[in-house]
Amino acid sequence: MISIIAKFTVNEGEEQNFLALTKDLIQASQAEAGCIEYDLHKNIKEARTYCMIEKWKDQDAVDFHNNTPHFTSAVPKIVEIAQAEIDVYETL
């Protein structure tokens, strides 16, 4: 299993735009065959800080996801309005 933790710090005034972009991305991603989990979380203590926690069946599922229209259209827009840090983990 592959786990991805994507941390976003959203630019001031862009939270509603960020949430709209991620809503559609989440719904489409959760419908993918290799998706185990794909959920957005908001940091309790840090304003405008979010974390997308993703779990995928395998690397093929991640590769497929990264090439879907919902991913390739949303992610460039998201990184225009938020700083992103991505960590990828593999289950041992």
PDB file of N, CA and C in Angstrom:
ATOM      1  N   MET A   1       0.847  -1.177   0.000  1.00  0.00           N
ATOM      2  CA  MET A   1       0.000   0.000   0.000  1.00  0.00           C
ATOM      3  C   MET A   1       0.893   1.241   0.000  1.00  0.00           C
ATOM      4  N   ILE A   2       0.463   2.252  -0.714  1.00  0.00           N
ATOM      5  CA  ILE A   2       1.159   3.527  -0.779  1.00  0.00           C
ATOM      6  C   ILE A   2       0.311   4.566  -0.040  1.00  0.00           C
ATOM      7  N   SER A   3       0.943   5.303   0.865  1.00  0.00           N
ATOM      8  CA  SER A   3       0.272   6.401   1.570  1.00  0.00           C
ATOM      9  C   SER A   3       0.930   7.711   1.162  1.00  0.00           C
ATOM     10  N   ILE A   4       0.097   8.700   0.898  1.00  0.00           N
ATOM     11  CA  ILE A   4       0.583  10.027   0.525  1.00  0.00           C
ATOM     12  C   ILE A   4      -0.013  11.028   1.498  1.00  0.00           C
ATOM     13  N   ILE A   5       0.847  11.880   2.026  1.00  0.00           N
ATOM     14  CA  ILE A   5       0.397  12.949   2.906  1.00  0.00           C
ATOM     15  C   ILE A   5       0.793  14.260   2.234  1.00  0.00           C
ATOM     16  N   ALA A   6      -0.222  14.992   1.822  1.00  0.00           N
ATOM     17  CA  ALA A   6      -0.003  16.260   1.129  1.00  0.00           C
ATOM     18  C   ALA A   6      -0.458  17.391   2.043  1.00  0.00           C
ATOM     19  N   LYS A   7       0.502  18.199   2.485  1.00  0.00           N
ATOM     20  CA  LYS A   7       0.198  19.318   3.381  1.00  0.00           C
ATOM     21  C   LYS A   7       0.115  20.589   2.552  1.00  0.00           C
ATOM     22  N   PHE A   8      -0.937  21.352   2.776  1.00  0.00           N
ATOM     23  CA  PHE A   8      -1.163  22.593   2.041  1.00  0.00           C
ATOM     24  C   PHE A   8      -1.301  23.764   3.006  1.00  0.00           C
ATOM     25  N   THR A   9      -0.585  24.830   2.724  1.00  0.00           N
ATOM     26  CA  THR A   9      -0.791  26.099   3.410  1.00  0.00           C
ATOM     27  C   THR A   9      -1.402  27.034   2.378  1.00  0.00           C
ATOM     28  N   VAL A  10      -2.662  27.348   2.576  1.00  0.00           N
ATOM     29  CA  VAL A  10      -3.440  28.093   1.594  1.00  0.00           C
ATOM     30  C   VAL A  10      -3.196  29.587   1.758  1.00  0.00           C
ATOM     31  N   ASN A  11      -3.014  30.266   0.629  1.00  0.00           N
ATOM     32  CA  ASN A  11      -2.817  31.713   0.653  1.00  0.00           C
ATOM     33  C   ASN A  11      -4.041  32.397   1.265  1.00  0.00           C
ATOM     34  N   GLU A  12      -3.794  33.474   1.972  1.00  0.00           N
ATOM     35  CA  GLU A  12      -4.873  34.218   2.612  1.00  0.00           C
ATOM     36  C   GLU A  12      -5.909  34.636   1.573  1.00  0.00           C
ATOM     37  N   GLY A  13      -7.176  34.436   1.910  1.00  0.00           N
ATOM     38  CA  GLY A  13      -8.277  34.803   1.030  1.00  0.00           C
ATOM     39  C   GLY A  13      -8.610  33.755  -0.022  1.00  0.00           C
ATOM     40  N   GLU A  14      -7.910  32.640  -0.048  1.00  0.00           N
ATOM     41  CA  GLU A  14      -8.119  31.614  -1.077  1.00  0.00           C
ATOM     42  C   GLU A  14      -8.731  30.320  -0.544  1.00  0.00           C
ATOM     43  N   GLU A  15      -9.136  30.311   0.725  1.00  0.00           N
ATOM     44  CA  GLU A  15      -9.634  29.064   1.308  1.00  0.00           C
ATOM     45  C   GLU A  15     -10.880  28.528   0.611  1.00  0.00           C
ATOM     46  N   GLN A  16     -11.820  29.373   0.282  1.00  0.00           N
ATOM     47  CA  GLN A  16     -13.043  28.896  -0.372  1.00  0.00           C
ATOM     48  C   GLN A  16     -12.729  28.313  -1.748  1.00  0.00           C
ATOM     49  N   ASN A  17     -11.847  28.946  -2.472  1.00  0.00           N
ATOM     50  CA  ASN A  17     -11.415  28.437  -3.772  1.00  0.00           C
ATOM     51  C   ASN A  17     -10.726  27.089  -3.606  1.00  0.00           C
ATOM     52  N   PHE A  18      -9.835  26.982  -2.618  1.00  0.00           N
ATOM     53  CA  PHE A  18      -9.130  25.737  -2.327  1.00  0.00           C
ATOM     54  C   PHE A  18     -10.119  24.619  -2.008  1.00  0.00           C
ATOM     55  N   LEU A  19     -11.083  24.905  -1.153  1.00  0.00           N
ATOM     56  CA  LEU A  19     -12.062  23.894  -0.758  1.00  0.00           C
ATOM     57  C   LEU A  19     -12.923  23.446  -1.943  1.00  0.00           C
ATOM     58  N   ALA A  20     -13.267  24.366  -2.816  1.00  0.00           N
ATOM     59  CA  ALA A  20     -14.047  24.007  -4.004  1.00  0.00           C
ATOM     60  C   ALA A  20     -13.235  23.107  -4.932  1.00  0.00           C
ATOM     61  N   LEU A  21     -11.976  23.440  -5.141  1.00  0.00           N
ATOM     62  CA  LEU A  21     -11.110  22.620  -5.997  1.00  0.00           C
ATOM     63  C   LEU A  21     -10.902  21.234  -5.409  1.00  0.00           C
ATOM     64  N   THR A  22     -10.676  21.161  -4.115  1.00  0.00           N
ATOM     65  CA  THR A  22     -10.412  19.858  -3.507  1.00  0.00           C
ATOM     66  C   THR A  22     -11.683  19.016  -3.392  1.00  0.00           C
ATOM     67  N   LYS A  23     -12.831  19.634  -3.271  1.00  0.00           N
ATOM     68  CA  LYS A  23     -14.086  18.873  -3.169  1.00  0.00           C
ATOM     69  C   LYS A  23     -14.277  17.992  -4.396  1.00  0.00           C
ATOM     70  N   ASP A  24     -14.154  18.575  -5.575  1.00  0.00           N
ATOM     71  CA  ASP A  24     -14.331  17.802  -6.803  1.00  0.00           C
ATOM     72  C   ASP A  24     -13.229  16.754  -6.958  1.00  0.00           C
ATOM     73  N   LEU A  25     -12.003  17.126  -6.601  1.00  0.00           N
ATOM     74  CA  LEU A  25     -10.875  16.197  -6.692  1.00  0.00           C
ATOM     75  C   LEU A  25     -11.091  14.993  -5.762  1.00  0.00           C
ATOM     76  N   ILE A  26     -11.546  15.249  -4.558  1.00  0.00           N
ATOM     77  CA  ILE A  26     -11.782  14.178  -3.585  1.00  0.00           C
ATOM     78  C   ILE A  26     -12.854  13.220  -4.087  1.00  0.00           C
ATOM     79  N   GLN A  27     -13.969  13.752  -4.539  1.00  0.00           N
ATOM     80  CA  GLN A  27     -15.067  12.897  -4.995  1.00  0.00           C
ATOM     81  C   GLN A  27     -14.630  11.996  -6.147  1.00  0.00           C
ATOM     82  N   ALA A  28     -13.942  12.556  -7.124  1.00  0.00           N
ATOM     83  CA  ALA A  28     -13.506  11.767  -8.274  1.00  0.00           C
ATOM     84  C   ALA A  28     -12.433  10.757  -7.874  1.00  0.00           C
ATOM     85  N   SER A  29     -11.527  11.155  -6.998  1.00  0.00           N
ATOM     86  CA  SER A  29     -10.439  10.270  -6.582  1.00  0.00           C
ATOM     87  C   SER A  29     -10.961   9.094  -5.766  1.00  0.00           C
ATOM     88  N   GLN A  30     -11.921   9.333  -4.894  1.00  0.00           N
ATOM     89  CA  GLN A  30     -12.482   8.258  -4.076  1.00  0.00           C
ATOM     90  C   GLN A  30     -13.174   7.199  -4.924  1.00  0.00           C
ATOM     91  N   ALA A  31     -13.587   7.564  -6.128  1.00  0.00           N
ATOM     92  CA  ALA A  31     -14.264   6.619  -7.017  1.00  0.00           C
ATOM     93  C   ALA A  31     -13.291   5.750  -7.808  1.00  0.00           C
ATOM     94  N   GLU A  32     -12.008   6.052  -7.757  1.00  0.00           N
ATOM     95  CA  GLU A  32     -11.017   5.268  -8.493  1.00  0.00           C
ATOM     96  C   GLU A  32     -10.857   3.884  -7.871  1.00  0.00           C
ATOM     97  N   ALA A  33     -10.636   2.891  -8.721  1.00  0.00           N
ATOM     98  CA  ALA A  33     -10.561   1.501  -8.281  1.00  0.00           C
ATOM     99  C   ALA A  33      -9.456   1.261  -7.247  1.00  0.00           C
ATOM    100  N   GLY A  34      -8.304   1.898  -7.388  1.00  0.00           N
ATOM    101  CA  GLY A  34      -7.187   1.649  -6.486  1.00  0.00           C
ATOM    102  C   GLY A  34      -7.157   2.513  -5.244  1.00  0.00           C
ATOM    103  N   CYS A  35      -8.165   3.365  -5.068  1.00  0.00           N
ATOM    104  CA  CYS A  35      -8.200   4.281  -3.926  1.00  0.00           C
ATOM    105  C   CYS A  35      -8.754   3.585  -2.690  1.00  0.00           C
ATOM    106  N   ILE A  36      -8.005   3.647  -1.606  1.00  0.00           N
ATOM    107  CA  ILE A  36      -8.449   3.108  -0.323  1.00  0.00           C
ATOM    108  C   ILE A  36      -8.973   4.242   0.554  1.00  0.00           C
ATOM    109  N   GLU A  37      -8.278   5.376   0.534  1.00  0.00           N
ATOM    110  CA  GLU A  37      -8.677   6.553   1.324  1.00  0.00           C
ATOM    111  C   GLU A  37      -8.195   7.803   0.612  1.00  0.00           C
ATOM    112  N   TYR A  38      -9.019   8.842   0.652  1.00  0.00           N
ATOM    113  CA  TYR A  38      -8.643  10.126   0.049  1.00  0.00           C
ATOM    114  C   TYR A  38      -9.484  11.179   0.755  1.00  0.00           C
ATOM    115  N   ASP A  39      -8.938  11.763   1.820  1.00  0.00           N
ATOM    116  CA  ASP A  39      -9.709  12.685   2.650  1.00  0.00           C
ATOM    117  C   ASP A  39      -8.897  13.923   3.002  1.00  0.00           C
ATOM    118  N   LEU A  40      -9.594  15.044   3.073  1.00  0.00           N
ATOM    119  CA  LEU A  40      -8.987  16.315   3.441  1.00  0.00           C
ATOM    120  C   LEU A  40      -9.228  16.580   4.927  1.00  0.00           C
ATOM    121  N   HIS A  41      -8.183  17.050   5.610  1.00  0.00           N
ATOM    122  CA  HIS A  41      -8.263  17.391   7.031  1.00  0.00           C
ATOM    123  C   HIS A  41      -7.772  18.825   7.218  1.00  0.00           C
ATOM    124  N   LYS A  42      -8.357  19.524   8.181  1.00  0.00           N
ATOM    125  CA  LYS A  42      -7.925  20.888   8.494  1.00  0.00           C
ATOM    126  C   LYS A  42      -7.183  20.880   9.823  1.00  0.00           C
ATOM    127  N   ASN A  43      -6.037  21.561   9.859  1.00  0.00           N
ATOM    128  CA  ASN A  43      -5.245  21.663  11.076  1.00  0.00           C
ATOM    129  C   ASN A  43      -6.022  22.462  12.116  1.00  0.00           C
ATOM    130  N   ILE A  44      -6.085  21.953  13.324  1.00  0.00           N
ATOM    131  CA  ILE A  44      -6.838  22.593  14.400  1.00  0.00           C
ATOM    132  C   ILE A  44      -6.151  23.862  14.897  1.00  0.00           C
ATOM    133  N   LYS A  45      -4.817  23.869  14.880  1.00  0.00           N
ATOM    134  CA  LYS A  45      -4.084  24.983  15.474  1.00  0.00           C
ATOM    135  C   LYS A  45      -3.506  25.976  14.470  1.00  0.00           C
ATOM    136  N   GLU A  46      -3.379  25.578  13.219  1.00  0.00           N
ATOM    137  CA  GLU A  46      -2.753  26.456  12.227  1.00  0.00           C
ATOM    138  C   GLU A  46      -3.771  26.861  11.165  1.00  0.00           C
ATOM    139  N   ALA A  47      -4.110  28.132  11.150  1.00  0.00           N
ATOM    140  CA  ALA A  47      -5.077  28.637  10.176  1.00  0.00           C
ATOM    141  C   ALA A  47      -4.571  28.416   8.756  1.00  0.00           C
ATOM    142  N   ARG A  48      -5.486  28.092   7.870  1.00  0.00           N
ATOM    143  CA  ARG A  48      -5.218  27.916   6.441  1.00  0.00           C
ATOM    144  C   ARG A  48      -4.294  26.735   6.139  1.00  0.00           C
ATOM    145  N   THR A  49      -4.170  25.789   7.074  1.00  0.00           N
ATOM    146  CA  THR A  49      -3.323  24.618   6.868  1.00  0.00           C
ATOM    147  C   THR A  49      -4.207  23.371   6.789  1.00  0.00           C
ATOM    148  N   TYR A  50      -4.011  22.627   5.713  1.00  0.00           N
ATOM    149  CA  TYR A  50      -4.801  21.428   5.439  1.00  0.00           C
ATOM    150  C   TYR A  50      -3.866  20.272   5.115  1.00  0.00           C
ATOM    151  N   CYS A  51      -4.411  19.071   5.228  1.00  0.00           N
ATOM    152  CA  CYS A  51      -3.648  17.874   4.915  1.00  0.00           C
ATOM    153  C   CYS A  51      -4.559  16.895   4.177  1.00  0.00           C
ATOM    154  N   MET A  52      -4.123  16.460   3.007  1.00  0.00           N
ATOM    155  CA  MET A  52      -4.830  15.424   2.266  1.00  0.00           C
ATOM    156  C   MET A  52      -4.136  14.105   2.594  1.00  0.00           C
ATOM    157  N   ILE A  53      -4.891  13.167   3.129  1.00  0.00           N
ATOM    158  CA  ILE A  53      -4.339  11.854   3.431  1.00  0.00           C
ATOM    159  C   ILE A  53      -4.895  10.882   2.399  1.00  0.00           C
ATOM    160  N   GLU A  54      -3.972  10.264   1.668  1.00  0.00           N
ATOM    161  CA  GLU A  54      -4.336   9.349   0.594  1.00  0.00           C
ATOM    162  C   GLU A  54      -3.743   7.975   0.878  1.00  0.00           C
ATOM    163  N   LYS A  55      -4.515   6.945   0.577  1.00  0.00           N
ATOM    164  CA  LYS A  55      -4.002   5.577   0.636  1.00  0.00           C
ATOM    165  C   LYS A  55      -4.408   4.888  -0.656  1.00  0.00           C
ATOM    166  N   TRP A  56      -3.417   4.267  -1.283  1.00  0.00           N
ATOM    167  CA  TRP A  56      -3.608   3.628  -2.582  1.00  0.00           C
ATOM    168  C   TRP A  56      -3.192   2.174  -2.526  1.00  0.00           C
ATOM    169  N   LYS A  57      -3.863   1.354  -3.313  1.00  0.00           N
ATOM    170  CA  LYS A  57      -3.592  -0.083  -3.368  1.00  0.00           C
ATOM    171  C   LYS A  57      -2.130  -0.362  -3.692  1.00  0.00           C
ATOM    172  N   ASP A  58      -1.577   0.344  -4.678  1.00  0.00           N
ATOM    173  CA  ASP A  58      -0.191   0.123  -5.102  1.00  0.00           C
ATOM    174  C   ASP A  58       0.277   1.306  -5.947  1.00  0.00           C
ATOM    175  N   GLN A  59       1.521   1.238  -6.415  1.00  0.00           N
ATOM    176  CA  GLN A  59       2.082   2.338  -7.193  1.00  0.00           C
ATOM    177  C   GLN A  59       1.351   2.511  -8.525  1.00  0.00           C
ATOM    178  N   ASP A  60       0.861   1.423  -9.100  1.00  0.00           N
ATOM    179  CA  ASP A  60       0.092   1.536 -10.346  1.00  0.00           C
ATOM    180  C   ASP A  60      -1.153   2.390 -10.143  1.00  0.00           C
ATOM    181  N   ALA A  61      -1.806   2.248  -8.998  1.00  0.00           N
ATOM    182  CA  ALA A  61      -2.994   3.056  -8.695  1.00  0.00           C
ATOM    183  C   ALA A  61      -2.625   4.535  -8.556  1.00  0.00           C
ATOM    184  N   VAL A  62      -1.477   4.802  -7.940  1.00  0.00           N
ATOM    185  CA  VAL A  62      -0.998   6.189  -7.798  1.00  0.00           C
ATOM    186  C   VAL A  62      -0.693   6.769  -9.176  1.00  0.00           C
ATOM    187  N   ASP A  63       0.001   6.000  -9.999  1.00  0.00           N
ATOM    188  CA  ASP A  63       0.345   6.462 -11.352  1.00  0.00           C
ATOM    189  C   ASP A  63      -0.911   6.748 -12.169  1.00  0.00           C
ATOM    190  N   PHE A  64      -1.895   5.865 -12.077  1.00  0.00           N
ATOM    191  CA  PHE A  64      -3.154   6.081 -12.778  1.00  0.00           C
ATOM    192  C   PHE A  64      -3.807   7.381 -12.298  1.00  0.00           C
ATOM    193  N   HIS A  65      -3.892   7.533 -10.977  1.00  0.00           N
ATOM    194  CA  HIS A  65      -4.498   8.724 -10.373  1.00  0.00           C
ATOM    195  C   HIS A  65      -3.816  10.008 -10.837  1.00  0.00           C
ATOM    196  N   ASN A  66      -2.492   9.992 -10.848  1.00  0.00           N
ATOM    197  CA  ASN A  66      -1.731  11.191 -11.219  1.00  0.00           C
ATOM    198  C   ASN A  66      -1.924  11.599 -12.667  1.00  0.00           C
ATOM    199  N   ASN A  67      -2.521  10.743 -13.472  1.00  0.00           N
ATOM    200  CA  ASN A  67      -2.755  11.051 -14.881  1.00  0.00           C
ATOM    201  C   ASN A  67      -4.229  11.219 -15.229  1.00  0.00           C
ATOM    202  N   THR A  68      -5.096  11.223 -14.223  1.00  0.00           N
ATOM    203  CA  THR A  68      -6.522  11.403 -14.484  1.00  0.00           C
ATOM    204  C   THR A  68      -6.825  12.874 -14.782  1.00  0.00           C
ATOM    205  N   PRO A  69      -7.867  13.134 -15.557  1.00  0.00           N
ATOM    206  CA  PRO A  69      -8.241  14.531 -15.842  1.00  0.00           C
ATOM    207  C   PRO A  69      -8.564  15.332 -14.586  1.00  0.00           C
ATOM    208  N   HIS A  70      -9.205  14.716 -13.587  1.00  0.00           N
ATOM    209  CA  HIS A  70      -9.544  15.472 -12.375  1.00  0.00           C
ATOM    210  C   HIS A  70      -8.288  15.869 -11.601  1.00  0.00           C
ATOM    211  N   PHE A  71      -7.252  15.035 -11.634  1.00  0.00           N
ATOM    212  CA  PHE A  71      -5.995  15.375 -10.964  1.00  0.00           C
ATOM    213  C   PHE A  71      -5.217  16.418 -11.762  1.00  0.00           C
ATOM    214  N   THR A  72      -5.040  16.190 -13.049  1.00  0.00           N
ATOM    215  CA  THR A  72      -4.209  17.087 -13.866  1.00  0.00           C
ATOM    216  C   THR A  72      -4.841  18.464 -14.064  1.00  0.00           C
ATOM    217  N   SER A  73      -6.151  18.570 -13.888  1.00  0.00           N
ATOM    218  CA  SER A  73      -6.769  19.893 -14.000  1.00  0.00           C
ATOM    219  C   SER A  73      -6.796  20.628 -12.659  1.00  0.00           C
ATOM    220  N   ALA A  74      -7.011  19.899 -11.553  1.00  0.00           N
ATOM    221  CA  ALA A  74      -7.141  20.551 -10.239  1.00  0.00           C
ATOM    222  C   ALA A  74      -5.802  20.917  -9.616  1.00  0.00           C
ATOM    223  N   VAL A  75      -4.823  20.040  -9.692  1.00  0.00           N
ATOM    224  CA  VAL A  75      -3.571  20.257  -8.963  1.00  0.00           C
ATOM    225  C   VAL A  75      -2.835  21.530  -9.387  1.00  0.00           C
ATOM    226  N   PRO A  76      -2.706  21.831 -10.672  1.00  0.00           N
ATOM    227  CA  PRO A  76      -2.037  23.105 -11.022  1.00  0.00           C
ATOM    228  C   PRO A  76      -2.753  24.330 -10.440  1.00  0.00           C
ATOM    229  N   LYS A  77      -4.070  24.276 -10.369  1.00  0.00           N
ATOM    230  CA  LYS A  77      -4.838  25.391  -9.784  1.00  0.00           C
ATOM    231  C   LYS A  77      -4.620  25.457  -8.273  1.00  0.00           C
ATOM    232  N   ILE A  78      -4.544  24.302  -7.640  1.00  0.00           N
ATOM    233  CA  ILE A  78      -4.333  24.260  -6.188  1.00  0.00           C
ATOM    234  C   ILE A  78      -2.963  24.833  -5.833  1.00  0.00           C
ATOM    235  N   VAL A  79      -1.922  24.444  -6.569  1.00  0.00           N
ATOM    236  CA  VAL A  79      -0.580  24.927  -6.219  1.00  0.00           C
ATOM    237  C   VAL A  79      -0.372  26.400  -6.553  1.00  0.00           C
ATOM    238  N   GLU A  80      -1.287  26.996  -7.307  1.00  0.00           N
ATOM    239  CA  GLU A  80      -1.240  28.444  -7.526  1.00  0.00           C
ATOM    240  C   GLU A  80      -1.700  29.213  -6.294  1.00  0.00           C
ATOM    241  N   ILE A  81      -2.522  28.580  -5.461  1.00  0.00           N
ATOM    242  CA  ILE A  81      -3.103  29.276  -4.311  1.00  0.00           C
ATOM    243  C   ILE A  81      -2.660  28.690  -2.969  1.00  0.00           C
ATOM    244  N   ALA A  82      -1.770  27.693  -3.011  1.00  0.00           N
ATOM    245  CA  ALA A  82      -1.319  27.067  -1.763  1.00  0.00           C
ATOM    246  C   ALA A  82       0.094  26.517  -1.934  1.00  0.00           C
ATOM    247  N   GLN A  83       0.859  26.573  -0.863  1.00  0.00           N
ATOM    248  CA  GLN A  83       2.165  25.931  -0.850  1.00  0.00           C
ATOM    249  C   GLN A  83       1.928  24.479  -0.456  1.00  0.00           C
ATOM    250  N   ALA A  84       2.592  23.574  -1.166  1.00  0.00           N
ATOM    251  CA  ALA A  84       2.365  22.148  -0.932  1.00  0.00           C
ATOM    252  C   ALA A  84       3.650  21.440  -0.531  1.00  0.00           C
ATOM    253  N   GLU A  85       3.510  20.509   0.406  1.00  0.00           N
ATOM    254  CA  GLU A  85       4.585  19.597   0.798  1.00  0.00           C
ATOM    255  C   GLU A  85       4.011  18.196   0.684  1.00  0.00           C
ATOM    256  N   ILE A  86       4.667  17.344  -0.100  1.00  0.00           N
ATOM    257  CA  ILE A  86       4.152  16.004  -0.358  1.00  0.00           C
ATOM    258  C   ILE A  86       5.141  14.967   0.187  1.00  0.00           C
ATOM    259  N   ASP A  87       4.648  14.039   0.998  1.00  0.00           N
ATOM    260  CA  ASP A  87       5.438  12.914   1.487  1.00  0.00           C
ATOM    261  C   ASP A  87       4.751  11.631   1.052  1.00  0.00           C
ATOM    262  N   VAL A  88       5.554  10.677   0.558  1.00  0.00           N
ATOM    263  CA  VAL A  88       5.027   9.415   0.076  1.00  0.00           C
ATOM    264  C   VAL A  88       5.648   8.280   0.905  1.00  0.00           C
ATOM    265  N   TYR A  89       4.792   7.367   1.346  1.00  0.00           N
ATOM    266  CA  TYR A  89       5.235   6.264   2.196  1.00  0.00           C
ATOM    267  C   TYR A  89       4.751   4.939   1.614  1.00  0.00           C
ATOM    268  N   GLU A  90       5.489   3.891   1.914  1.00  0.00           N
ATOM    269  CA  GLU A  90       5.106   2.552   1.510  1.00  0.00           C
ATOM    270  C   GLU A  90       4.971   1.674   2.753  1.00  0.00           C
ATOM    271  N   THR A  91       3.910   0.896   2.804  1.00  0.00           N
ATOM    272  CA  THR A  91       3.699  -0.009   3.929  1.00  0.00           C
ATOM    273  C   THR A  91       4.772  -1.086   3.926  1.00  0.00           C
ATOM    274  N   LEU A  92       5.340  -1.360   5.076  1.00  0.00           N
ATOM    275  CA  LEU A  92       6.361  -2.415   5.196  1.00  0.00           C
ATOM    276  C   LEU A  92       5.718  -3.741   5.541  1.00  0.00           C
TER     277      LEU A  92
END
